[in-house]
C-alpha atoms as a PDB file:
ATOM      1  CA  MET A   1       0.339  -0.097   0.204  1.00  0.00           C
ATOM      2  CA  THR A   2       1.413   3.481  -0.765  1.00  0.00           C
ATOM      3  CA  HIS A   3       1.763   6.509   1.489  1.00  0.00           C
ATOM      4  CA  ALA A   4      -0.643   8.494  -0.698  1.00  0.00           C
ATOM      5  CA  GLN A   5      -3.396   5.358  -0.389  1.00  0.00           C
ATOM      6  CA  LEU A   6      -2.732   5.618   3.476  1.00  0.00           C
ATOM      7  CA  ARG A   7      -3.461   9.533   3.835  1.00  0.00           C
ATOM      8  CA  PRO A   8      -7.046  10.571   4.125  1.00  0.00           C
ATOM      9  CA  PRO A   9      -8.200  11.919   0.954  1.00  0.00           C
ATOM     10  CA  THR A  10      -8.274  15.910   0.228  1.00  0.00           C
ATOM     11  CA  MET A  11      -9.699  18.464  -1.355  1.00  0.00           C
ATOM     12  CA  ALA A  12      -7.103  18.552  -4.369  1.00  0.00           C
ATOM     13  CA  ASP A  13      -7.924  14.885  -4.625  1.00  0.00           C
ATOM     14  CA  VAL A  14     -11.706  15.460  -5.036  1.00  0.00           C
ATOM     15  CA  ALA A  15     -11.271  18.082  -7.692  1.00  0.00           C
ATOM     16  CA  ARG A  16      -8.847  15.498  -9.776  1.00  0.00           C
ATOM     17  CA  LEU A  17     -11.353  12.830  -9.600  1.00  0.00           C
ATOM     18  CA  ALA A  18     -14.549  15.008 -10.158  1.00  0.00           C
ATOM     19  CA  GLY A  19     -11.898  16.972 -13.229  1.00  0.00           C
ATOM     20  CA  VAL A  20     -13.054  20.116 -11.657  1.00  0.00           C
ATOM     21  CA  SER A  21     -11.330  22.868  -9.883  1.00  0.00           C
ATOM     22  CA  HIS A  22     -10.568  23.277  -5.835  1.00  0.00           C
ATOM     23  CA  GLN A  23     -12.748  26.319  -6.107  1.00  0.00           C
ATOM     24  CA  THR A  24     -15.489  24.407  -7.507  1.00  0.00           C
ATOM     25  CA  VAL A  25     -15.251  21.647  -4.723  1.00  0.00           C
ATOM     26  CA  SER A  26     -15.358  24.075  -2.172  1.00  0.00           C
ATOM     27  CA  ARG A  27     -18.398  26.040  -3.682  1.00  0.00           C
ATOM     28  CA  VAL A  28     -20.218  22.461  -3.586  1.00  0.00           C
ATOM     29  CA  LEU A  29     -19.023  21.704   0.137  1.00  0.00           C
ATOM     30  CA  GLY A  30     -20.094  25.330   1.067  1.00  0.00           C
ATOM     31  CA  ASP A  31     -23.515  24.998  -0.865  1.00  0.00           C
ATOM     32  CA  HIS A  32     -22.839  27.868  -3.005  1.00  0.00           C
ATOM     33  CA  PRO A  33     -25.609  28.502  -5.709  1.00  0.00           C
ATOM     34  CA  ASN A  34     -23.332  29.408  -8.839  1.00  0.00           C
ATOM     35  CA  VAL A  35     -22.531  25.531  -9.545  1.00  0.00           C
ATOM     36  CA  ARG A  36     -24.193  23.376 -12.109  1.00  0.00           C
ATOM     37  CA  ASP A  37     -26.565  21.054 -11.199  1.00  0.00           C
ATOM     38  CA  GLU A  38     -24.402  18.362 -13.598  1.00  0.00           C
ATOM     39  CA  THR A  39     -21.020  19.878 -11.531  1.00  0.00           C
ATOM     40  CA  ARG A  40     -22.385  19.530  -8.016  1.00  0.00           C
ATOM     41  CA  ALA A  41     -23.598  15.950  -8.590  1.00  0.00           C
ATOM     42  CA  ARG A  42     -19.995  14.672 -10.393  1.00  0.00           C
ATOM     43  CA  VAL A  43     -18.559  16.430  -7.092  1.00  0.00           C
ATOM     44  CA  LEU A  44     -20.696  14.887  -4.609  1.00  0.00           C
ATOM     45  CA  ARG A  45     -19.800  11.235  -6.509  1.00  0.00           C
ATOM     46  CA  ALA A  46     -16.372  11.636  -6.227  1.00  0.00           C
ATOM     47  CA  ILE A  47     -16.693  13.269  -2.345  1.00  0.00           C
ATOM     48  CA  GLU A  48     -18.822   9.919  -1.857  1.00  0.00           C
ATOM     49  CA  GLU A  49     -16.247   7.463  -3.906  1.00  0.00           C
ATOM     50  CA  MET A  50     -13.567   8.568  -1.637  1.00  0.00           C
ATOM     51  CA  GLY A  51     -14.585   9.067   1.689  1.00  0.00           C
ATOM     52  CA  TYR A  52     -13.635  12.561   1.738  1.00  0.00           C
ATOM     53  CA  ARG A  53     -14.248  14.566   5.100  1.00  0.00           C
ATOM     54  CA  ARG A  54     -14.146  18.052   5.153  1.00  0.00           C
ATOM     55  CA  ASN A  55     -11.298  19.212   7.830  1.00  0.00           C
ATOM     56  CA  SER A  56     -12.817  21.077  10.957  1.00  0.00           C
ATOM     57  CA  SER A  57      -9.705  23.218  11.262  1.00  0.00           C
ATOM     58  CA  ALA A  58      -9.572  23.980   7.555  1.00  0.00           C
ATOM     59  CA  ARG A  59     -12.800  24.930   8.034  1.00  0.00           C
ATOM     60  CA  ALA A  60     -12.814  27.126  11.132  1.00  0.00           C
ATOM     61  CA  LEU A  61     -10.091  28.880   9.618  1.00  0.00           C
ATOM     62  CA  ALA A  62     -11.736  29.821   6.527  1.00  0.00           C
ATOM     63  CA  THR A  63     -15.347  30.451   7.953  1.00  0.00           C
ATOM     64  CA  ARG A  64     -13.818  31.845  11.681  1.00  0.00           C
ATOM     65  CA  ARG A  65     -16.190  29.659  13.142  1.00  0.00           C
ATOM     66  CA  THR A  66     -15.674  26.318  14.768  1.00  0.00           C
ATOM     67  CA  ARG A  67     -18.912  24.916  14.855  1.00  0.00           C
ATOM     68  CA  THR A  68     -18.146  23.790  18.600  1.00  0.00           C
ATOM     69  CA  LEU A  69     -20.305  24.319  21.730  1.00  0.00           C
ATOM     70  CA  GLY A  70     -18.872  23.630  25.332  1.00  0.00           C
ATOM     71  CA  VAL A  71     -20.844  21.636  28.228  1.00  0.00           C
ATOM     72  CA  VAL A  72     -19.867  22.199  32.015  1.00  0.00           C
ATOM     73  CA  ALA A  73     -21.588  19.579  34.175  1.00  0.00           C
ATOM     74  CA  SER A  74     -21.374  18.476  37.494  1.00  0.00           C
ATOM     75  CA  GLY A  75     -23.561  15.868  39.348  1.00  0.00           C
ATOM     76  CA  THR A  76     -23.507  13.206  36.005  1.00  0.00           C
ATOM     77  CA  THR A  77     -23.490   9.986  38.011  1.00  0.00           C
ATOM     78  CA  LEU A  78     -27.260  11.493  38.796  1.00  0.00           C
ATOM     79  CA  TYR A  79     -30.301  10.940  36.425  1.00  0.00           C
ATOM     80  CA  GLY A  80     -31.241  14.467  36.109  1.00  0.00           C
ATOM     81  CA  PRO A  81     -27.665  15.762  35.190  1.00  0.00           C
ATOM     82  CA  ALA A  82     -27.100  12.957  33.202  1.00  0.00           C
ATOM     83  CA  SER A  83     -30.343  13.246  30.983  1.00  0.00           C
ATOM     84  CA  THR A  84     -29.529  16.825  30.434  1.00  0.00           C
ATOM     85  CA  LEU A  85     -26.296  15.620  29.018  1.00  0.00           C
ATOM     86  CA  PHE A  86     -27.264  13.672  26.633  1.00  0.00           C
ATOM     87  CA  ALA A  87     -30.444  15.760  25.537  1.00  0.00           C
ATOM     88  CA  LEU A  88     -27.876  18.708  25.503  1.00  0.00           C
ATOM     89  CA  GLU A  89     -25.264  16.335  23.316  1.00  0.00           C
ATOM     90  CA  GLU A  90     -28.382  15.086  20.813  1.00  0.00           C
ATOM     91  CA  ALA A  91     -29.530  18.692  20.211  1.00  0.00           C
ATOM     92  CA  ALA A  92     -25.743  19.935  19.285  1.00  0.00           C
ATOM     93  CA  ARG A  93     -25.294  17.428  16.652  1.00  0.00           C
ATOM     94  CA  ALA A  94     -29.365  17.868  15.299  1.00  0.00           C
ATOM     95  CA  GLU A  95     -28.093  21.191  14.745  1.00  0.00           C
ATOM     96  CA  GLY A  96     -24.411  20.354  13.085  1.00  0.00           C
ATOM     97  CA  TYR A  97     -22.229  21.225  16.253  1.00  0.00           C
ATOM     98  CA  LEU A  98     -19.992  19.147  18.119  1.00  0.00           C
ATOM     99  CA  VAL A  99     -19.726  19.488  21.638  1.00  0.00           C
ATOM    100  CA  SER A 100     -16.595  19.176  23.884  1.00  0.00           C
ATOM    101  CA  THR A 101     -17.168  18.060  27.853  1.00  0.00           C
ATOM    102  CA  VAL A 102     -16.089  19.257  31.150  1.00  0.00           C
ATOM    103  CA  SER A 103     -17.337  16.803  34.237  1.00  0.00           C
ATOM    104  CA  LEU A 104     -16.709  18.531  37.271  1.00  0.00           C
ATOM    105  CA  ARG A 105     -17.334  16.868  41.007  1.00  0.00           C
ATOM    106  CA  LYS A 106     -18.098  20.241  42.288  1.00  0.00           C
ATOM    107  CA  LEU A 107     -18.969  23.824  40.186  1.00  0.00           C
ATOM    108  CA  THR A 108     -16.572  26.014  42.343  1.00  0.00           C
ATOM    109  CA  VAL A 109     -15.227  29.522  40.885  1.00  0.00           C
ATOM    110  CA  GLU A 110     -11.646  27.914  40.388  1.00  0.00           C
ATOM    111  CA  GLN A 111     -12.902  24.643  39.103  1.00  0.00           C
ATOM    112  CA  LEU A 112     -15.747  26.338  36.499  1.00  0.00           C
ATOM    113  CA  SER A 113     -12.912  28.692  35.743  1.00  0.00           C
ATOM    114  CA  GLU A 114     -10.262  26.699  34.658  1.00  0.00           C
ATOM    115  CA  ALA A 115     -12.818  24.672  32.530  1.00  0.00           C
ATOM    116  CA  LEU A 116     -14.278  27.496  30.440  1.00  0.00           C
ATOM    117  CA  ASP A 117     -10.388  28.565  30.327  1.00  0.00           C
ATOM    118  CA  HIS A 118      -9.751  24.935  28.702  1.00  0.00           C
ATOM    119  CA  LEU A 119     -13.020  25.288  26.854  1.00  0.00           C
ATOM    120  CA  SER A 120     -11.964  28.863  24.992  1.00  0.00           C
ATOM    121  CA  GLU A 121      -8.758  27.256  24.422  1.00  0.00           C
ATOM    122  CA  GLY A 122     -10.176  24.811  22.199  1.00  0.00           C
ATOM    123  CA  GLY A 123     -12.058  27.335  20.460  1.00  0.00           C
ATOM    124  CA  VAL A 124     -15.918  27.151  21.297  1.00  0.00           C
ATOM    125  CA  GLU A 125     -18.101  29.346  20.413  1.00  0.00           C
ATOM    126  CA  GLY A 126     -20.537  29.201  23.735  1.00  0.00           C
ATOM    127  CA  VAL A 127     -21.129  26.871  26.747  1.00  0.00           C
ATOM    128  CA  VAL A 128     -24.207  25.257  28.569  1.00  0.00           C
ATOM    129  CA  ALA A 129     -23.429  25.176  31.699  1.00  0.00           C
ATOM    130  CA  ILE A 130     -25.628  22.334  34.048  1.00  0.00           C
ATOM    131  CA  ALA A 131     -25.370  23.980  37.299  1.00  0.00           C
ATOM    132  CA  PRO A 132     -27.769  22.585  39.577  1.00  0.00           C
ATOM    133  CA  GLN A 133     -26.301  23.780  42.890  1.00  0.00           C
ATOM    134  CA  ARG A 134     -26.374  27.076  44.388  1.00  0.00           C
ATOM    135  CA  SER A 135     -23.109  27.537  44.657  1.00  0.00           C
ATOM    136  CA  ALA A 136     -22.654  26.453  41.049  1.00  0.00           C
ATOM    137  CA  VAL A 137     -24.830  29.134  40.348  1.00  0.00           C
ATOM    138  CA  GLU A 138     -23.458  31.687  42.452  1.00  0.00           C
ATOM    139  CA  ALA A 139     -19.640  30.035  40.495  1.00  0.00           C
ATOM    140  CA  LEU A 140     -21.401  31.065  37.273  1.00  0.00           C
ATOM    141  CA  ALA A 141     -22.198  34.343  38.162  1.00  0.00           C
ATOM    142  CA  GLU A 142     -19.118  35.629  39.387  1.00  0.00           C
ATOM    143  CA  LEU A 143     -17.568  34.771  36.696  1.00  0.00           C
ATOM    144  CA  ARG A 144     -16.282  37.182  33.493  1.00  0.00           C
ATOM    145  CA  ARG A 145     -17.147  34.959  30.690  1.00  0.00           C
ATOM    146  CA  PRO A 146     -15.830  35.278  27.425  1.00  0.00           C
ATOM    147  CA  PHE A 147     -18.314  33.694  25.200  1.00  0.00           C
ATOM    148  CA  PRO A 148     -22.353  33.215  25.717  1.00  0.00           C
ATOM    149  CA  VAL A 149     -23.223  31.036  28.545  1.00  0.00           C
ATOM    150  CA  VAL A 150     -26.750  29.437  29.261  1.00  0.00           C
ATOM    151  CA  ALA A 151     -27.150  27.754  32.176  1.00  0.00           C
ATOM    152  CA  VAL A 152     -29.328  24.372  33.181  1.00  0.00           C
ATOM    153  CA  GLY A 153     -30.992  22.920  36.488  1.00  0.00           C
ATOM    154  CA  THR A 154     -30.312  26.027  38.091  1.00  0.00           C
ATOM    155  CA  GLY A 155     -33.969  26.677  39.280  1.00  0.00           C
ATOM    156  CA  SER A 156     -35.506  30.231  40.129  1.00  0.00           C
ATOM    157  CA  GLY A 157     -34.327  33.625  40.556  1.00  0.00           C
ATOM    158  CA  VAL A 158     -30.800  33.214  38.320  1.00  0.00           C
ATOM    159  CA  GLU A 159     -29.536  36.460  36.674  1.00  0.00           C
ATOM    160  CA  ILE A 160     -28.028  34.536  33.939  1.00  0.00           C
ATOM    161  CA  PRO A 161     -29.578  33.326  30.682  1.00  0.00           C
ATOM    162  CA  SER A 162     -31.064  29.916  31.835  1.00  0.00           C
ATOM    163  CA  VAL A 163     -33.754  27.123  30.617  1.00  0.00           C
ATOM    164  CA  ASN A 164     -35.434  24.901  33.546  1.00  0.00           C
ATOM    165  CA  VAL A 165     -38.153  23.023  33.840  1.00  0.00           C
ATOM    166  CA  ASP A 166     -40.701  24.513  36.331  1.00  0.00           C
ATOM    167  CA  GLN A 167     -40.056  22.366  39.849  1.00  0.00           C
ATOM    168  CA  HIS A 168     -42.311  24.543  41.718  1.00  0.00           C
ATOM    169  CA  LEU A 169     -44.769  23.546  39.101  1.00  0.00           C
ATOM    170  CA  GLY A 170     -43.931  20.084  39.194  1.00  0.00           C
ATOM    171  CA  ALA A 171     -44.246  19.982  43.198  1.00  0.00           C
ATOM    172  CA  ARG A 172     -47.700  21.507  43.479  1.00  0.00           C
ATOM    173  CA  LEU A 173     -48.893  19.080  40.661  1.00  0.00           C
ATOM    174  CA  ALA A 174     -47.835  16.216  42.995  1.00  0.00           C
ATOM    175  CA  THR A 175     -48.988  17.451  46.490  1.00  0.00           C
ATOM    176  CA  GLY A 176     -52.186  18.717  44.655  1.00  0.00           C
ATOM    177  CA  HIS A 177     -53.290  15.389  43.503  1.00  0.00           C
ATOM    178  CA  LEU A 178     -52.809  13.865  46.838  1.00  0.00           C
ATOM    179  CA  LEU A 179     -54.836  16.582  48.450  1.00  0.00           C
ATOM    180  CA  ALA A 180     -57.578  15.965  45.675  1.00  0.00           C
ATOM    181  CA  ALA A 181     -57.275  12.507  46.453  1.00  0.00           C
ATOM    182  CA  GLY A 182     -58.700  13.296  50.044  1.00  0.00           C
ATOM    183  CA  HIS A 183     -55.700  13.401  52.062  1.00  0.00           C
ATOM    184  CA  ARG A 184     -55.616  15.907  54.818  1.00  0.00           C
ATOM    185  CA  LYS A 185     -51.704  16.062  54.789  1.00  0.00           C
ATOM    186  CA  VAL A 186     -48.939  15.813  52.528  1.00  0.00           C
ATOM    187  CA  TRP A 187     -45.347  14.629  53.919  1.00  0.00           C
ATOM    188  CA  HIS A 188     -42.114  15.658  52.438  1.00  0.00           C
ATOM    189  CA  LEU A 189     -38.603  13.850  51.449  1.00  0.00           C
ATOM    190  CA  ALA A 190     -36.550  16.840  50.261  1.00  0.00           C
ATOM    191  CA  GLY A 191     -33.475  16.604  48.228  1.00  0.00           C
ATOM    192  CA  PRO A 192     -29.852  18.626  49.587  1.00  0.00           C
ATOM    193  CA  GLU A 193     -29.846  21.658  50.612  1.00  0.00           C
ATOM    194  CA  ASP A 194     -27.354  22.976  48.168  1.00  0.00           C
ATOM    195  CA  TRP A 195     -29.889  22.120  45.036  1.00  0.00           C
ATOM    196  CA  GLN A 196     -31.933  24.823  43.826  1.00  0.00           C
ATOM    197  CA  GLU A 197     -34.468  22.391  42.313  1.00  0.00           C
ATOM    198  CA  ALA A 198     -35.082  20.949  45.562  1.00  0.00           C
ATOM    199  CA  ALA A 199     -35.152  24.480  47.375  1.00  0.00           C
ATOM    200  CA  ASP A 200     -37.725  24.742  44.532  1.00  0.00           C
ATOM    201  CA  ARG A 201     -39.492  21.203  44.891  1.00  0.00           C
ATOM    202  CA  THR A 202     -40.152  21.703  48.650  1.00  0.00           C
ATOM    203  CA  ALA A 203     -41.717  25.752  47.877  1.00  0.00           C
ATOM    204  CA  GLY A 204     -43.778  23.952  46.045  1.00  0.00           C
ATOM    205  CA  TRP A 205     -44.865  21.771  48.297  1.00  0.00           C
ATOM    206  CA  ARG A 206     -44.971  23.794  51.437  1.00  0.00           C
ATOM    207  CA  ALA A 207     -46.998  26.725  49.111  1.00  0.00           C
ATOM    208  CA  THR A 208     -50.094  24.106  47.947  1.00  0.00           C
ATOM    209  CA  LEU A 209     -50.079  22.889  51.528  1.00  0.00           C
ATOM    210  CA  GLU A 210     -50.517  26.388  52.972  1.00  0.00           C
ATOM    211  CA  GLU A 211     -52.737  27.546  49.888  1.00  0.00           C
ATOM    212  CA  ALA A 212     -55.226  24.521  51.264  1.00  0.00           C
ATOM    213  CA  GLY A 213     -55.144  25.693  55.107  1.00  0.00           C
ATOM    214  CA  VAL A 214     -53.125  22.871  55.847  1.00  0.00           C
ATOM    215  CA  GLU A 215     -49.961  23.690  58.273  1.00  0.00           C
ATOM    216  CA  PRO A 216     -46.614  22.074  56.375  1.00  0.00           C
ATOM    217  CA  PRO A 217     -44.865  19.027  58.886  1.00  0.00           C
ATOM    218  CA  MET A 218     -41.615  19.267  59.139  1.00  0.00           C
ATOM    219  CA  PRO A 219     -39.564  17.956  56.012  1.00  0.00           C
ATOM    220  CA  LEU A 220     -37.126  15.029  55.921  1.00  0.00           C
ATOM    221  CA  ARG A 221     -33.495  15.588  54.226  1.00  0.00           C
ATOM    222  CA  GLY A 222     -32.216  13.345  51.666  1.00  0.00           C
ATOM    223  CA  ASP A 223     -29.323  13.332  49.374  1.00  0.00           C
ATOM    224  CA  TRP A 224     -31.168  11.826  45.793  1.00  0.00           C
ATOM    225  CA  SER A 225     -29.673   8.100  46.902  1.00  0.00           C
ATOM    226  CA  PRO A 226     -32.240   5.281  46.940  1.00  0.00           C
ATOM    227  CA  LEU A 227     -30.475   4.448  50.793  1.00  0.00           C
ATOM    228  CA  SER A 228     -31.364   8.051  52.160  1.00  0.00           C
ATOM    229  CA  GLY A 229     -34.553   7.346  51.316  1.00  0.00           C
ATOM    230  CA  TYR A 230     -34.668   4.281  52.671  1.00  0.00           C
ATOM    231  CA  ARG A 231     -34.022   5.941  56.021  1.00  0.00           C
ATOM    232  CA  ALA A 232     -36.234   8.104  55.618  1.00  0.00           C
ATOM    233  CA  GLY A 233     -38.565   6.076  54.940  1.00  0.00           C
ATOM    234  CA  GLN A 234     -37.794   3.461  58.250  1.00  0.00           C
ATOM    235  CA  GLU A 235     -38.720   7.188  59.911  1.00  0.00           C
ATOM    236  CA  LEU A 236     -41.831   7.700  58.123  1.00  0.00           C
ATOM    237  CA  ALA A 237     -43.457   4.489  59.274  1.00  0.00           C
ATOM    238  CA  GLY A 238     -43.480   5.601  63.016  1.00  0.00           C
ATOM    239  CA  TRP A 239     -46.151   7.985  61.669  1.00  0.00           C
ATOM    240  CA  VAL A 240     -48.434   5.586  60.321  1.00  0.00           C
ATOM    241  CA  GLY A 241     -51.510   5.628  62.230  1.00  0.00           C
ATOM    242  CA  ARG A 242     -50.400   9.287  63.604  1.00  0.00           C
ATOM    243  CA  GLY A 243     -51.650  11.021  60.651  1.00  0.00           C
ATOM    244  CA  LEU A 244     -49.216  10.156  57.805  1.00  0.00           C
ATOM    245  CA  THR A 245     -51.358   8.543  55.060  1.00  0.00           C
ATOM    246  CA  ALA A 246     -49.207  10.771  51.791  1.00  0.00           C
ATOM    247  CA  VAL A 247     -45.729  11.300  51.132  1.00  0.00           C
ATOM    248  CA  PHE A 248     -43.954  13.447  48.111  1.00  0.00           C
ATOM    249  CA  VAL A 249     -40.788  12.933  47.503  1.00  0.00           C
ATOM    250  CA  ALA A 250     -38.192  15.154  45.662  1.00  0.00           C
ATOM    251  CA  ASN A 251     -37.101  12.365  43.511  1.00  0.00           C
ATOM    252  CA  ASP A 252     -37.552   8.452  42.542  1.00  0.00           C
ATOM    253  CA  GLN A 253     -34.245   7.077  43.611  1.00  0.00           C
ATOM    254  CA  MET A 254     -35.254   8.260  47.149  1.00  0.00           C
ATOM    255  CA  ALA A 255     -38.917   7.327  46.554  1.00  0.00           C
ATOM    256  CA  LEU A 256     -37.625   3.345  45.795  1.00  0.00           C
ATOM    257  CA  GLY A 257     -35.673   3.511  49.331  1.00  0.00           C
ATOM    258  CA  VAL A 258     -39.277   4.987  50.668  1.00  0.00           C
ATOM    259  CA  LEU A 259     -40.850   2.347  49.371  1.00  0.00           C
ATOM    260  CA  ARG A 260     -38.900  -0.915  50.746  1.00  0.00           C
ATOM    261  CA  ALA A 261     -38.792   0.953  53.615  1.00  0.00           C
ATOM    262  CA  LEU A 262     -42.461   1.298  54.076  1.00  0.00           C
ATOM    263  CA  ARG A 263     -42.880  -2.753  52.971  1.00  0.00           C
ATOM    264  CA  GLU A 264     -40.582  -3.794  55.242  1.00  0.00           C
ATOM    265  CA  ALA A 265     -42.647  -2.600  58.315  1.00  0.00           C
ATOM    266  CA  GLY A 266     -45.956  -3.777  57.131  1.00  0.00           C
ATOM    267  CA  VAL A 267     -47.058  -0.695  55.438  1.00  0.00           C
ATOM    268  CA  ARG A 268     -49.089  -0.728  52.652  1.00  0.00           C
ATOM    269  CA  THR A 269     -48.705   1.273  49.118  1.00  0.00           C
ATOM    270  CA  PRO A 270     -51.423   2.549  48.440  1.00  0.00           C
ATOM    271  CA  GLN A 271     -53.338   1.363  51.045  1.00  0.00           C
ATOM    272  CA  ASP A 272     -52.119   2.932  54.327  1.00  0.00           C
ATOM    273  CA  VAL A 273     -49.329   5.560  52.647  1.00  0.00           C
ATOM    274  CA  ALA A 274     -49.386   6.846  48.779  1.00  0.00           C
ATOM    275  CA  VAL A 275     -46.355   7.768  47.611  1.00  0.00           C
ATOM    276  CA  VAL A 276     -45.143  10.494  44.717  1.00  0.00           C
ATOM    277  CA  GLY A 277     -42.224  10.959  43.420  1.00  0.00           C
ATOM    278  CA  PHE A 278     -40.248  13.444  41.012  1.00  0.00           C
ATOM    279  CA  ASP A 279     -38.413  13.007  37.221  1.00  0.00           C
ATOM    280  CA  ASP A 280     -40.178   9.820  35.941  1.00  0.00           C
ATOM    281  CA  ILE A 281     -36.783   7.748  35.778  1.00  0.00           C
ATOM    282  CA  PRO A 282     -37.299   4.649  33.588  1.00  0.00           C
ATOM    283  CA  GLU A 283     -37.353   2.366  36.183  1.00  0.00           C
ATOM    284  CA  SER A 284     -40.143   3.758  38.096  1.00  0.00           C
ATOM    285  CA  GLU A 285     -42.949   2.007  36.421  1.00  0.00           C
ATOM    286  CA  PHE A 286     -41.377  -1.188  37.514  1.00  0.00           C
ATOM    287  CA  PHE A 287     -40.973  -0.271  41.167  1.00  0.00           C
ATOM    288  CA  ALA A 288     -43.605  -2.292  43.393  1.00  0.00           C
ATOM    289  CA  PRO A 289     -46.203  -0.398  43.034  1.00  0.00           C
ATOM    290  CA  PRO A 290     -45.541   1.629  39.865  1.00  0.00           C
ATOM    291  CA  LEU A 291     -44.877   4.901  40.963  1.00  0.00           C
ATOM    292  CA  THR A 292     -46.813   7.810  40.434  1.00  0.00           C
ATOM    293  CA  THR A 293     -43.836  10.523  39.611  1.00  0.00           C
ATOM    294  CA  VAL A 294     -43.699  14.162  38.383  1.00  0.00           C
ATOM    295  CA  ARG A 295     -42.195  13.572  34.604  1.00  0.00           C
ATOM    296  CA  GLN A 296     -39.414  16.029  33.283  1.00  0.00           C
ATOM    297  CA  ASP A 297     -39.022  16.278  29.666  1.00  0.00           C
ATOM    298  CA  PHE A 298     -35.172  16.352  28.861  1.00  0.00           C
ATOM    299  CA  SER A 299     -35.181  16.075  25.446  1.00  0.00           C
ATOM    300  CA  THR A 300     -37.021  19.513  25.519  1.00  0.00           C
ATOM    301  CA  VAL A 301     -34.214  20.927  28.210  1.00  0.00           C
ATOM    302  CA  GLY A 302     -31.728  20.209  25.565  1.00  0.00           C
ATOM    303  CA  LYS A 303     -33.709  21.436  22.528  1.00  0.00           C
ATOM    304  CA  ARG A 304     -34.459  24.609  23.779  1.00  0.00           C
ATOM    305  CA  SER A 305     -31.257  24.929  25.639  1.00  0.00           C
ATOM    306  CA  ILE A 306     -28.704  24.994  22.597  1.00  0.00           C
ATOM    307  CA  ALA A 307     -31.687  27.351  20.645  1.00  0.00           C
ATOM    308  CA  LEU A 308     -31.211  29.717  22.973  1.00  0.00           C
ATOM    309  CA  LEU A 309     -27.342  29.377  23.038  1.00  0.00           C
ATOM    310  CA  LEU A 310     -27.416  29.732  19.233  1.00  0.00           C
ATOM    311  CA  ASP A 311     -29.722  32.965  19.467  1.00  0.00           C
ATOM    312  CA  LEU A 312     -27.111  34.121  21.798  1.00  0.00           C
ATOM    313  CA  ILE A 313     -24.104  33.808  19.556  1.00  0.00           C
ATOM    314  CA  GLU A 314     -25.953  34.877  16.805  1.00  0.00           C
ATOM    315  CA  GLY A 315     -26.823  37.942  18.301  1.00  0.00           C
ATOM    316  CA  ARG A 316     -30.926  36.883  17.855  1.00  0.00           C
ATOM    317  CA  VAL A 317     -31.509  37.865  21.624  1.00  0.00           C
ATOM    318  CA  PRO A 318     -32.281  40.825  22.696  1.00  0.00           C
ATOM    319  CA  SER A 319     -29.852  42.279  26.180  1.00  0.00           C
ATOM    320  CA  GLY A 320     -31.036  40.524  29.383  1.00  0.00           C
ATOM    321  CA  SER A 321     -31.249  37.273  30.893  1.00  0.00           C
ATOM    322  CA  PRO A 322     -33.699  35.107  29.205  1.00  0.00           C
ATOM    323  CA  LEU A 323     -35.279  32.511  31.488  1.00  0.00           C
ATOM    324  CA  VAL A 324     -37.041  29.889  30.188  1.00  0.00           C
ATOM    325  CA  ALA A 325     -39.831  27.740  32.090  1.00  0.00           C
ATOM    326  CA  ILE A 326     -40.588  24.127  30.932  1.00  0.00           C
ATOM    327  CA  GLU A 327     -43.706  22.540  32.402  1.00  0.00           C
ATOM    328  CA  PRO A 328     -43.417  19.289  34.154  1.00  0.00           C
ATOM    329  CA  GLN A 329     -46.329  16.282  33.631  1.00  0.00           C
ATOM    330  CA  LEU A 330     -47.928  14.545  36.084  1.00  0.00           C
ATOM    331  CA  VAL A 331     -47.989  10.725  35.153  1.00  0.00           C
ATOM    332  CA  VAL A 332     -50.323   8.941  37.728  1.00  0.00           C
ATOM    333  CA  ARG A 333     -49.650   4.896  38.276  1.00  0.00           C
ATOM    334  CA  ALA A 334     -50.260   2.388  41.311  1.00  0.00           C
ATOM    335  CA  SER A 335     -48.632   4.220  44.176  1.00  0.00           C
ATOM    336  CA  THR A 336     -51.605   6.770  44.572  1.00  0.00           C
ATOM    337  CA  PHE A 337     -55.060   6.130  44.321  1.00  0.00           C
ATOM    338  CA  PRO A 338     -58.240   8.062  45.036  1.00  0.00           C
ATOM    339  CA  TYR A 339     -58.178   7.946  48.928  1.00  0.00           C
ATOM    340  CA  ALA A 340     -61.770   8.255  51.073  1.00  0.00           C
ATOM    341  CA  PRO A 341     -60.451   8.887  54.559  1.00  0.00           C
ATOM    342  CA  GLN A 342     -62.805   7.401  57.251  1.00  0.00           C
ATOM    343  CA  PRO A 343     -65.117   9.498  59.637  1.00  0.00           C
ATOM    344  CA  GLY A 344     -63.200   9.944  62.806  1.00  0.00           C
ATOM    345  CA  GLY A 345     -60.155   8.644  61.475  1.00  0.00           C
ATOM    346  CA  THR A 346     -56.745   8.972  62.015  1.00  0.00           C
ATOM    347  CA  PRO A 347     -55.829  12.498  63.256  1.00  0.00           C
ATOM    348  CA  ASP A 348     -54.039  15.332  61.631  1.00  0.00           C
END
């Protein structure tokens, strides 16, 4: 095999095979209108025959565009951030962009600054930051950003262009579903204190109870894991018979632990205690019993985030910090059902 056969084909090779000039091949690749259909077809056949792939570095030099976006992410071992990352990469590819990802254990100011510097050196045109912790949002707000940045998963109250599922609404849907079924009070297992989404879910739960004239009980707190849900479930089981009939859990993984703890304590779901989760992970419909939960549309999060970032890059967004909110959806399954408290039943 010769050296010429070993190296990848160039634009000059395509031009030679098609019998056209180098400039004509370039016009075809750039979809220039001033190329005859017959010539265009001949060039495209040559490209396919030779397996030619355009050099991205050369294209960047010519257009001053890299068509590369950056993503900075933390917490990607968890379902929400991991699903968001996949959705972002898929949406970027659909728009013809490559994605360069930096995953960090925690988004501190120092680590975030290093990540943005690294992406800047790689020539990204803009960055999406998956920043679910309050500390990450604060770090992002402090930094000088050399290119457009869109934040995802930040929850409410940010002054950075962002795309979020409406966590407050999701919690209202979950809590309202349980109240509408006749439960007098809804307990809550919250997520980590530093997560803004956890705070928004707690706020939505509390507001719904207060609007119904119900004093919210003290929420329990977990770390998103099934183990923390299991431990909280053991505590909740002690309240069965003393007013506990319904629990809103801040994510499905913790709900899995709660369900097991209740089952081991001889508490039936939903006959004794109804349980609602949040996220609608793929396994939730196979829990025992199948879990009523709040679905987040991560595909739409990815598409809207990339669309907003591209609008910022192209200058199509007015000044300010655009905030995009995506509505969640309640998915009702067998872990809840219409509940009818008996007269003189369990006290509040």
